[in-house]
Amino acid sequence: MTTEIDYGPRNPRAMDLARIALWAAVRDDNDRAVAALKAINEETGGEGLMDAILGWCDTAIAHIGIEVGKPVKIAWMEAETQRINSGPDEVRPTARWAGRLLAARAADDHDTFMALIDTIPGGPKDVGDHVWELVQMVALNLRAQQSGETPR
């Protein structure tokens, strides 16, 4: 694993809240996760949210065991049916975005990562929907790993 993936120091408060949000999501404590996400926004603003996004991506990459800097193939699994979707057109746009964001971070592709960040519509609900999808995707992988399943 390389260290090029780190783009600088992170806001400690944002990272504490990001951990709270993620582990609450892993435990399906959505109320606590949402409260932590709102606190990231209210207490640390956009910069803190970006730090949290980087932290969630890095957590997924580390726990899944992806080799940083290598291309990543993306597949989406429906949680309810366990069916692997063959392409991004078969999943929600926010899930497609979150998967591509994780892949860009894992590939250490800063330009694509930032381009994906820039594609989030500007409204608070849109930002929240995209961030929630990323948190849920990372939580799903951590949950699978904890139960001995293959990370998704």
N, C-alpha and C. Protein backbone atom coordinates (compact mmCIF):
# COMPACT_ATOMS: atom_id res chain seq x y z
N MET A 1 0.84 -1.17 0.00
CA MET A 1 0.00 0.00 0.00
C MET A 1 0.89 1.24 0.00
N THR A 2 0.58 2.19 -0.84
CA THR A 2 1.37 3.41 -0.89
C THR A 2 0.76 4.47 0.01
N THR A 3 1.50 5.53 0.21
CA THR A 3 0.98 6.60 1.05
C THR A 3 0.56 7.81 0.22
N GLU A 4 0.64 7.74 -1.11
CA GLU A 4 0.28 8.88 -1.94
C GLU A 4 -1.20 9.27 -1.79
N ILE A 5 -1.97 8.37 -1.26
CA ILE A 5 -3.40 8.60 -1.16
C ILE A 5 -3.75 9.72 -0.18
N ASP A 6 -2.88 10.04 0.75
CA ASP A 6 -3.17 11.07 1.73
C ASP A 6 -2.96 12.44 1.13
N TYR A 7 -3.98 13.28 1.15
CA TYR A 7 -3.88 14.61 0.55
C TYR A 7 -3.70 15.70 1.59
N GLY A 8 -3.29 15.36 2.78
CA GLY A 8 -2.99 16.38 3.78
C GLY A 8 -3.64 16.10 5.11
N PRO A 9 -3.38 16.98 6.08
CA PRO A 9 -3.93 16.78 7.43
C PRO A 9 -5.46 16.91 7.42
N ARG A 10 -6.07 16.26 8.38
CA ARG A 10 -7.53 16.27 8.47
C ARG A 10 -7.99 16.91 9.76
N ASN A 11 -9.21 17.41 9.74
CA ASN A 11 -9.82 18.04 10.89
C ASN A 11 -10.15 16.96 11.92
N PRO A 12 -9.55 17.03 13.11
CA PRO A 12 -9.78 15.98 14.12
C PRO A 12 -11.25 15.84 14.52
N ARG A 13 -11.97 16.95 14.65
CA ARG A 13 -13.39 16.87 15.04
C ARG A 13 -14.20 16.19 13.94
N ALA A 14 -13.93 16.54 12.69
CA ALA A 14 -14.64 15.91 11.57
C ALA A 14 -14.36 14.41 11.56
N MET A 15 -13.13 14.03 11.83
CA MET A 15 -12.78 12.61 11.80
C MET A 15 -13.43 11.85 12.96
N ASP A 16 -13.51 12.47 14.13
CA ASP A 16 -14.21 11.84 15.26
C ASP A 16 -15.67 11.60 14.91
N LEU A 17 -16.31 12.62 14.35
CA LEU A 17 -17.71 12.49 13.98
C LEU A 17 -17.90 11.50 12.84
N ALA A 18 -16.95 11.45 11.91
CA ALA A 18 -17.01 10.48 10.81
C ALA A 18 -16.96 9.06 11.34
N ARG A 19 -16.09 8.82 12.33
CA ARG A 19 -16.01 7.48 12.94
C ARG A 19 -17.32 7.13 13.64
N ILE A 20 -17.87 8.08 14.36
CA ILE A 20 -19.15 7.85 15.04
C ILE A 20 -20.22 7.49 14.01
N ALA A 21 -20.31 8.27 12.94
CA ALA A 21 -21.31 8.02 11.90
C ALA A 21 -21.13 6.65 11.28
N LEU A 22 -19.90 6.31 10.95
CA LEU A 22 -19.65 5.03 10.28
C LEU A 22 -19.98 3.85 11.18
N TRP A 23 -19.49 3.86 12.41
CA TRP A 23 -19.73 2.71 13.28
C TRP A 23 -21.19 2.63 13.70
N ALA A 24 -21.87 3.76 13.78
CA ALA A 24 -23.32 3.70 14.02
C ALA A 24 -24.01 3.05 12.82
N ALA A 25 -23.59 3.39 11.62
CA ALA A 25 -24.17 2.79 10.41
C ALA A 25 -23.87 1.29 10.36
N VAL A 26 -22.69 0.89 10.76
CA VAL A 26 -22.36 -0.54 10.80
C VAL A 26 -23.33 -1.28 11.72
N ARG A 27 -23.69 -0.65 12.83
CA ARG A 27 -24.62 -1.25 13.80
C ARG A 27 -26.09 -1.01 13.45
N ASP A 28 -26.35 -0.40 12.28
CA ASP A 28 -27.71 -0.06 11.85
C ASP A 28 -28.39 0.94 12.79
N ASP A 29 -27.59 1.76 13.45
CA ASP A 29 -28.12 2.82 14.31
C ASP A 29 -28.17 4.09 13.46
N ASN A 30 -29.14 4.11 12.55
CA ASN A 30 -29.21 5.20 11.58
C ASN A 30 -29.46 6.56 12.21
N ASP A 31 -30.21 6.61 13.29
CA ASP A 31 -30.45 7.90 13.94
C ASP A 31 -29.14 8.51 14.43
N ARG A 32 -28.30 7.70 15.06
CA ARG A 32 -27.01 8.20 15.55
C ARG A 32 -26.09 8.56 14.38
N ALA A 33 -26.12 7.75 13.33
CA ALA A 33 -25.29 8.04 12.16
C ALA A 33 -25.68 9.37 11.53
N VAL A 34 -26.97 9.57 11.35
CA VAL A 34 -27.46 10.82 10.75
C VAL A 34 -27.11 12.01 11.64
N ALA A 35 -27.25 11.86 12.94
CA ALA A 35 -26.92 12.95 13.86
C ALA A 35 -25.43 13.32 13.75
N ALA A 36 -24.59 12.32 13.62
CA ALA A 36 -23.15 12.58 13.47
C ALA A 36 -22.86 13.26 12.13
N LEU A 37 -23.55 12.85 11.08
CA LEU A 37 -23.37 13.48 9.76
C LEU A 37 -23.79 14.95 9.81
N LYS A 38 -24.91 15.22 10.45
CA LYS A 38 -25.36 16.61 10.59
C LYS A 38 -24.36 17.43 11.38
N ALA A 39 -23.78 16.82 12.42
CA ALA A 39 -22.79 17.52 13.24
C ALA A 39 -21.53 17.83 12.44
N ILE A 40 -21.14 16.91 11.55
CA ILE A 40 -19.98 17.19 10.69
C ILE A 40 -20.24 18.46 9.91
N ASN A 41 -21.41 18.54 9.29
CA ASN A 41 -21.76 19.70 8.49
C ASN A 41 -21.82 20.97 9.34
N GLU A 42 -22.50 20.89 10.46
CA GLU A 42 -22.72 22.08 11.29
C GLU A 42 -21.44 22.55 11.99
N GLU A 43 -20.62 21.61 12.45
CA GLU A 43 -19.44 21.97 13.24
C GLU A 43 -18.17 22.18 12.42
N THR A 44 -18.09 21.52 11.26
CA THR A 44 -16.82 21.59 10.51
C THR A 44 -16.97 22.05 9.08
N GLY A 45 -18.21 22.19 8.60
CA GLY A 45 -18.45 22.70 7.26
C GLY A 45 -17.97 21.78 6.15
N GLY A 46 -17.86 22.37 4.96
CA GLY A 46 -17.49 21.60 3.77
C GLY A 46 -16.11 20.97 3.85
N GLU A 47 -15.16 21.67 4.44
CA GLU A 47 -13.82 21.10 4.57
C GLU A 47 -13.83 19.88 5.47
N GLY A 48 -14.57 19.96 6.56
CA GLY A 48 -14.68 18.81 7.46
C GLY A 48 -15.39 17.64 6.79
N LEU A 49 -16.41 17.96 5.98
CA LEU A 49 -17.11 16.90 5.26
C LEU A 49 -16.17 16.22 4.27
N MET A 50 -15.34 17.00 3.60
CA MET A 50 -14.37 16.41 2.67
C MET A 50 -13.39 15.51 3.42
N ASP A 51 -12.95 15.94 4.59
CA ASP A 51 -12.07 15.10 5.40
C ASP A 51 -12.77 13.79 5.75
N ALA A 52 -14.05 13.88 6.13
CA ALA A 52 -14.81 12.68 6.48
C ALA A 52 -14.94 11.75 5.28
N ILE A 53 -15.24 12.31 4.11
CA ILE A 53 -15.36 11.49 2.90
C ILE A 53 -14.05 10.76 2.62
N LEU A 54 -12.94 11.48 2.72
CA LEU A 54 -11.64 10.84 2.52
C LEU A 54 -11.42 9.72 3.54
N GLY A 55 -11.79 9.99 4.79
CA GLY A 55 -11.62 8.98 5.84
C GLY A 55 -12.46 7.74 5.60
N TRP A 56 -13.71 7.94 5.18
CA TRP A 56 -14.56 6.77 4.90
C TRP A 56 -14.00 5.96 3.74
N CYS A 57 -13.57 6.64 2.70
CA CYS A 57 -12.98 5.93 1.56
C CYS A 57 -11.75 5.15 1.99
N ASP A 58 -10.87 5.81 2.74
CA ASP A 58 -9.63 5.15 3.18
C ASP A 58 -9.91 3.97 4.10
N THR A 59 -10.95 4.08 4.92
CA THR A 59 -11.33 2.98 5.80
C THR A 59 -11.78 1.77 4.97
N ALA A 60 -12.61 2.02 3.98
CA ALA A 60 -13.07 0.92 3.12
C ALA A 60 -11.90 0.28 2.40
N ILE A 61 -11.03 1.09 1.84
CA ILE A 61 -9.88 0.59 1.09
C ILE A 61 -9.00 -0.27 1.99
N ALA A 62 -8.73 0.21 3.20
CA ALA A 62 -7.87 -0.54 4.12
C ALA A 62 -8.52 -1.84 4.57
N HIS A 63 -9.81 -1.81 4.89
CA HIS A 63 -10.49 -3.00 5.39
C HIS A 63 -10.74 -4.03 4.30
N ILE A 64 -10.97 -3.58 3.09
CA ILE A 64 -11.19 -4.52 1.99
C ILE A 64 -9.86 -5.11 1.52
N GLY A 65 -8.79 -4.37 1.73
CA GLY A 65 -7.47 -4.86 1.34
C GLY A 65 -7.10 -4.53 -0.10
N ILE A 66 -7.60 -3.43 -0.59
CA ILE A 66 -7.30 -3.00 -1.96
C ILE A 66 -5.89 -2.43 -1.99
N GLU A 67 -5.15 -2.77 -3.02
CA GLU A 67 -3.82 -2.20 -3.20
C GLU A 67 -3.97 -0.83 -3.84
N VAL A 68 -3.57 0.18 -3.10
CA VAL A 68 -3.72 1.56 -3.56
C VAL A 68 -2.88 1.82 -4.80
N GLY A 69 -3.46 2.55 -5.73
CA GLY A 69 -2.75 2.93 -6.95
C GLY A 69 -2.99 2.00 -8.11
N LYS A 70 -3.72 0.93 -7.88
CA LYS A 70 -4.05 -0.03 -8.94
C LYS A 70 -5.49 0.19 -9.37
N PRO A 71 -5.79 -0.05 -10.64
CA PRO A 71 -7.19 0.07 -11.08
C PRO A 71 -8.10 -0.88 -10.30
N VAL A 72 -9.32 -0.45 -10.08
CA VAL A 72 -10.29 -1.23 -9.31
C VAL A 72 -11.49 -1.49 -10.20
N LYS A 73 -11.93 -2.75 -10.22
CA LYS A 73 -13.16 -3.08 -10.94
C LYS A 73 -14.32 -2.96 -9.96
N ILE A 74 -15.36 -2.28 -10.39
CA ILE A 74 -16.51 -2.04 -9.53
C ILE A 74 -17.65 -2.97 -9.90
N ALA A 75 -18.28 -3.54 -8.88
CA ALA A 75 -19.52 -4.31 -9.05
C ALA A 75 -20.42 -3.92 -7.89
N TRP A 76 -21.70 -3.93 -8.13
CA TRP A 76 -22.65 -3.58 -7.09
C TRP A 76 -23.49 -4.80 -6.76
N MET A 77 -23.73 -5.03 -5.46
CA MET A 77 -24.56 -6.14 -5.03
C MET A 77 -25.81 -5.59 -4.36
N GLU A 78 -26.94 -6.10 -4.76
CA GLU A 78 -28.19 -5.72 -4.11
C GLU A 78 -28.23 -6.39 -2.74
N ALA A 79 -28.36 -5.58 -1.70
CA ALA A 79 -28.33 -6.12 -0.34
C ALA A 79 -29.46 -7.12 -0.10
N GLU A 80 -30.63 -6.84 -0.66
CA GLU A 80 -31.78 -7.70 -0.41
C GLU A 80 -31.68 -9.05 -1.13
N THR A 81 -31.21 -9.03 -2.38
CA THR A 81 -31.22 -10.26 -3.18
C THR A 81 -29.85 -10.91 -3.32
N GLN A 82 -28.80 -10.19 -2.93
CA GLN A 82 -27.42 -10.66 -3.09
C GLN A 82 -27.02 -10.80 -4.56
N ARG A 83 -27.82 -10.23 -5.46
CA ARG A 83 -27.53 -10.30 -6.89
C ARG A 83 -26.49 -9.25 -7.24
N ILE A 84 -25.48 -9.69 -7.99
CA ILE A 84 -24.46 -8.77 -8.49
C ILE A 84 -25.00 -8.09 -9.74
N ASN A 85 -25.00 -6.77 -9.74
CA ASN A 85 -25.42 -6.02 -10.91
C ASN A 85 -24.25 -5.92 -11.88
N SER A 86 -24.55 -6.12 -13.12
CA SER A 86 -23.47 -6.15 -14.11
C SER A 86 -22.96 -4.77 -14.49
N GLY A 87 -23.74 -3.75 -14.24
CA GLY A 87 -23.28 -2.44 -14.65
C GLY A 87 -23.85 -1.32 -13.83
N PRO A 88 -23.28 -0.15 -13.95
CA PRO A 88 -23.70 0.97 -13.13
C PRO A 88 -25.10 1.48 -13.44
N ASP A 89 -25.62 1.18 -14.63
CA ASP A 89 -26.96 1.65 -14.97
C ASP A 89 -28.05 0.93 -14.20
N GLU A 90 -27.68 -0.18 -13.54
CA GLU A 90 -28.66 -0.97 -12.80
C GLU A 90 -28.78 -0.57 -11.33
N VAL A 91 -28.05 0.46 -10.92
CA VAL A 91 -28.07 0.87 -9.52
C VAL A 91 -28.48 2.34 -9.41
N ARG A 92 -28.86 2.72 -8.21
CA ARG A 92 -29.22 4.13 -7.96
C ARG A 92 -28.04 5.03 -8.33
N PRO A 93 -28.32 6.22 -8.82
CA PRO A 93 -27.24 7.15 -9.16
C PRO A 93 -26.30 7.44 -7.99
N THR A 94 -26.84 7.52 -6.79
CA THR A 94 -25.98 7.78 -5.63
C THR A 94 -25.06 6.60 -5.33
N ALA A 95 -25.54 5.37 -5.55
CA ALA A 95 -24.70 4.19 -5.36
C ALA A 95 -23.62 4.13 -6.43
N ARG A 96 -23.99 4.48 -7.64
CA ARG A 96 -23.01 4.53 -8.73
C ARG A 96 -21.91 5.54 -8.39
N TRP A 97 -22.32 6.70 -7.91
CA TRP A 97 -21.37 7.74 -7.53
C TRP A 97 -20.45 7.26 -6.41
N ALA A 98 -21.01 6.67 -5.37
CA ALA A 98 -20.21 6.21 -4.23
C ALA A 98 -19.21 5.14 -4.65
N GLY A 99 -19.64 4.20 -5.49
CA GLY A 99 -18.72 3.16 -5.97
C GLY A 99 -17.59 3.74 -6.80
N ARG A 100 -17.93 4.67 -7.66
CA ARG A 100 -16.90 5.30 -8.49
C ARG A 100 -15.95 6.15 -7.65
N LEU A 101 -16.49 6.81 -6.63
CA LEU A 101 -15.65 7.62 -5.74
C LEU A 101 -14.65 6.73 -5.01
N LEU A 102 -15.12 5.61 -4.48
CA LEU A 102 -14.22 4.66 -3.81
C LEU A 102 -13.16 4.14 -4.76
N ALA A 103 -13.56 3.82 -5.98
CA ALA A 103 -12.61 3.30 -6.96
C ALA A 103 -11.56 4.35 -7.32
N ALA A 104 -11.98 5.59 -7.47
CA ALA A 104 -11.02 6.66 -7.79
C ALA A 104 -10.04 6.86 -6.64
N ARG A 105 -10.54 6.84 -5.43
CA ARG A 105 -9.65 6.99 -4.27
C ARG A 105 -8.69 5.81 -4.19
N ALA A 106 -9.18 4.61 -4.39
CA ALA A 106 -8.32 3.43 -4.34
C ALA A 106 -7.26 3.46 -5.42
N ALA A 107 -7.62 3.96 -6.60
CA ALA A 107 -6.65 4.04 -7.71
C ALA A 107 -5.71 5.23 -7.54
N ASP A 108 -5.92 6.02 -6.49
CA ASP A 108 -5.15 7.23 -6.24
C ASP A 108 -5.27 8.20 -7.41
N ASP A 109 -6.49 8.26 -7.95
CA ASP A 109 -6.80 9.12 -9.09
C ASP A 109 -7.47 10.39 -8.56
N HIS A 110 -6.64 11.34 -8.18
CA HIS A 110 -7.13 12.57 -7.56
C HIS A 110 -8.06 13.35 -8.49
N ASP A 111 -7.72 13.42 -9.76
CA ASP A 111 -8.54 14.19 -10.70
C ASP A 111 -9.96 13.63 -10.81
N THR A 112 -10.07 12.31 -10.96
CA THR A 112 -11.39 11.69 -11.05
C THR A 112 -12.14 11.83 -9.74
N PHE A 113 -11.44 11.63 -8.63
CA PHE A 113 -12.05 11.77 -7.31
C PHE A 113 -12.66 13.16 -7.16
N MET A 114 -11.90 14.19 -7.47
CA MET A 114 -12.39 15.56 -7.33
C MET A 114 -13.50 15.86 -8.33
N ALA A 115 -13.41 15.30 -9.53
CA ALA A 115 -14.48 15.49 -10.53
C ALA A 115 -15.78 14.89 -10.01
N LEU A 116 -15.70 13.74 -9.36
CA LEU A 116 -16.90 13.12 -8.79
C LEU A 116 -17.46 13.96 -7.64
N ILE A 117 -16.60 14.49 -6.82
CA ILE A 117 -17.05 15.38 -5.74
C ILE A 117 -17.80 16.56 -6.36
N ASP A 118 -17.26 17.09 -7.44
CA ASP A 118 -17.87 18.26 -8.09
C ASP A 118 -19.20 17.94 -8.77
N THR A 119 -19.50 16.65 -9.01
CA THR A 119 -20.77 16.30 -9.66
C THR A 119 -21.94 16.26 -8.69
N ILE A 120 -21.68 16.35 -7.39
CA ILE A 120 -22.78 16.34 -6.43
C ILE A 120 -23.58 17.62 -6.61
N PRO A 121 -24.89 17.51 -6.84
CA PRO A 121 -25.69 18.73 -6.94
C PRO A 121 -25.56 19.54 -5.65
N GLY A 122 -25.76 20.84 -5.74
CA GLY A 122 -25.45 21.74 -4.64
C GLY A 122 -26.40 21.78 -3.47
N GLY A 123 -27.59 21.22 -3.59
CA GLY A 123 -28.54 21.31 -2.49
C GLY A 123 -28.17 20.41 -1.33
N PRO A 124 -28.53 20.83 -0.11
CA PRO A 124 -28.19 20.03 1.07
C PRO A 124 -28.72 18.59 1.01
N LYS A 125 -29.93 18.40 0.48
CA LYS A 125 -30.48 17.04 0.39
C LYS A 125 -29.65 16.19 -0.55
N ASP A 126 -29.24 16.77 -1.69
CA ASP A 126 -28.42 16.02 -2.65
C ASP A 126 -27.09 15.63 -2.04
N VAL A 127 -26.45 16.56 -1.37
CA VAL A 127 -25.17 16.26 -0.71
C VAL A 127 -25.40 15.17 0.33
N GLY A 128 -26.44 15.32 1.13
CA GLY A 128 -26.74 14.32 2.16
C GLY A 128 -27.00 12.95 1.57
N ASP A 129 -27.74 12.88 0.47
CA ASP A 129 -28.03 11.59 -0.17
C ASP A 129 -26.75 10.91 -0.66
N HIS A 130 -25.86 11.68 -1.25
CA HIS A 130 -24.61 11.11 -1.76
C HIS A 130 -23.71 10.65 -0.60
N VAL A 131 -23.59 11.49 0.41
CA VAL A 131 -22.75 11.13 1.56
C VAL A 131 -23.34 9.92 2.28
N TRP A 132 -24.66 9.89 2.45
CA TRP A 132 -25.30 8.75 3.11
C TRP A 132 -25.03 7.45 2.34
N GLU A 133 -25.10 7.53 1.03
CA GLU A 133 -24.84 6.34 0.21
C GLU A 133 -23.42 5.83 0.42
N LEU A 134 -22.46 6.76 0.47
CA LEU A 134 -21.07 6.36 0.70
C LEU A 134 -20.91 5.72 2.08
N VAL A 135 -21.48 6.33 3.09
CA VAL A 135 -21.39 5.77 4.45
C VAL A 135 -22.02 4.39 4.49
N GLN A 136 -23.18 4.23 3.87
CA GLN A 136 -23.84 2.92 3.86
C GLN A 136 -23.02 1.88 3.10
N MET A 137 -22.39 2.28 2.01
CA MET A 137 -21.57 1.35 1.23
C MET A 137 -20.36 0.87 2.05
N VAL A 138 -19.72 1.80 2.72
CA VAL A 138 -18.57 1.44 3.56
C VAL A 138 -19.04 0.57 4.72
N ALA A 139 -20.15 0.95 5.36
CA ALA A 139 -20.68 0.18 6.48
C ALA A 139 -21.04 -1.24 6.05
N LEU A 140 -21.64 -1.38 4.89
CA LEU A 140 -22.00 -2.71 4.38
C LEU A 140 -20.76 -3.59 4.24
N ASN A 141 -19.69 -3.02 3.73
CA ASN A 141 -18.45 -3.78 3.58
C ASN A 141 -17.84 -4.14 4.93
N LEU A 142 -17.87 -3.22 5.87
CA LEU A 142 -17.34 -3.52 7.20
C LEU A 142 -18.18 -4.57 7.91
N ARG A 143 -19.50 -4.47 7.75
CA ARG A 143 -20.41 -5.46 8.34
C ARG A 143 -20.12 -6.85 7.77
N ALA A 144 -19.94 -6.92 6.46
CA ALA A 144 -19.65 -8.19 5.81
C ALA A 144 -18.33 -8.76 6.32
N GLN A 145 -17.35 -7.91 6.46
CA GLN A 145 -16.05 -8.37 6.94
C GLN A 145 -16.14 -8.88 8.37
N GLN A 146 -16.88 -8.17 9.21
CA GLN A 146 -17.04 -8.59 10.61
C GLN A 146 -17.72 -9.95 10.73
N SER A 147 -18.62 -10.24 9.80
CA SER A 147 -19.34 -11.52 9.86
C SER A 147 -18.62 -12.63 9.11
N GLY A 148 -17.45 -12.31 8.57
CA GLY A 148 -16.66 -13.32 7.88
C GLY A 148 -17.02 -13.48 6.41
N GLU A 149 -17.90 -12.65 5.90
CA GLU A 149 -18.25 -12.69 4.48
C GLU A 149 -17.19 -11.97 3.68
N THR A 150 -17.25 -12.16 2.38
CA THR A 150 -16.38 -11.42 1.49
C THR A 150 -16.85 -9.98 1.41
N PRO A 151 -15.93 -9.01 1.62
CA PRO A 151 -16.38 -7.61 1.47
C PRO A 151 -16.95 -7.36 0.09
N ARG A 152 -17.92 -6.46 0.00
CA ARG A 152 -18.63 -6.21 -1.25
C ARG A 152 -18.11 -4.97 -1.88
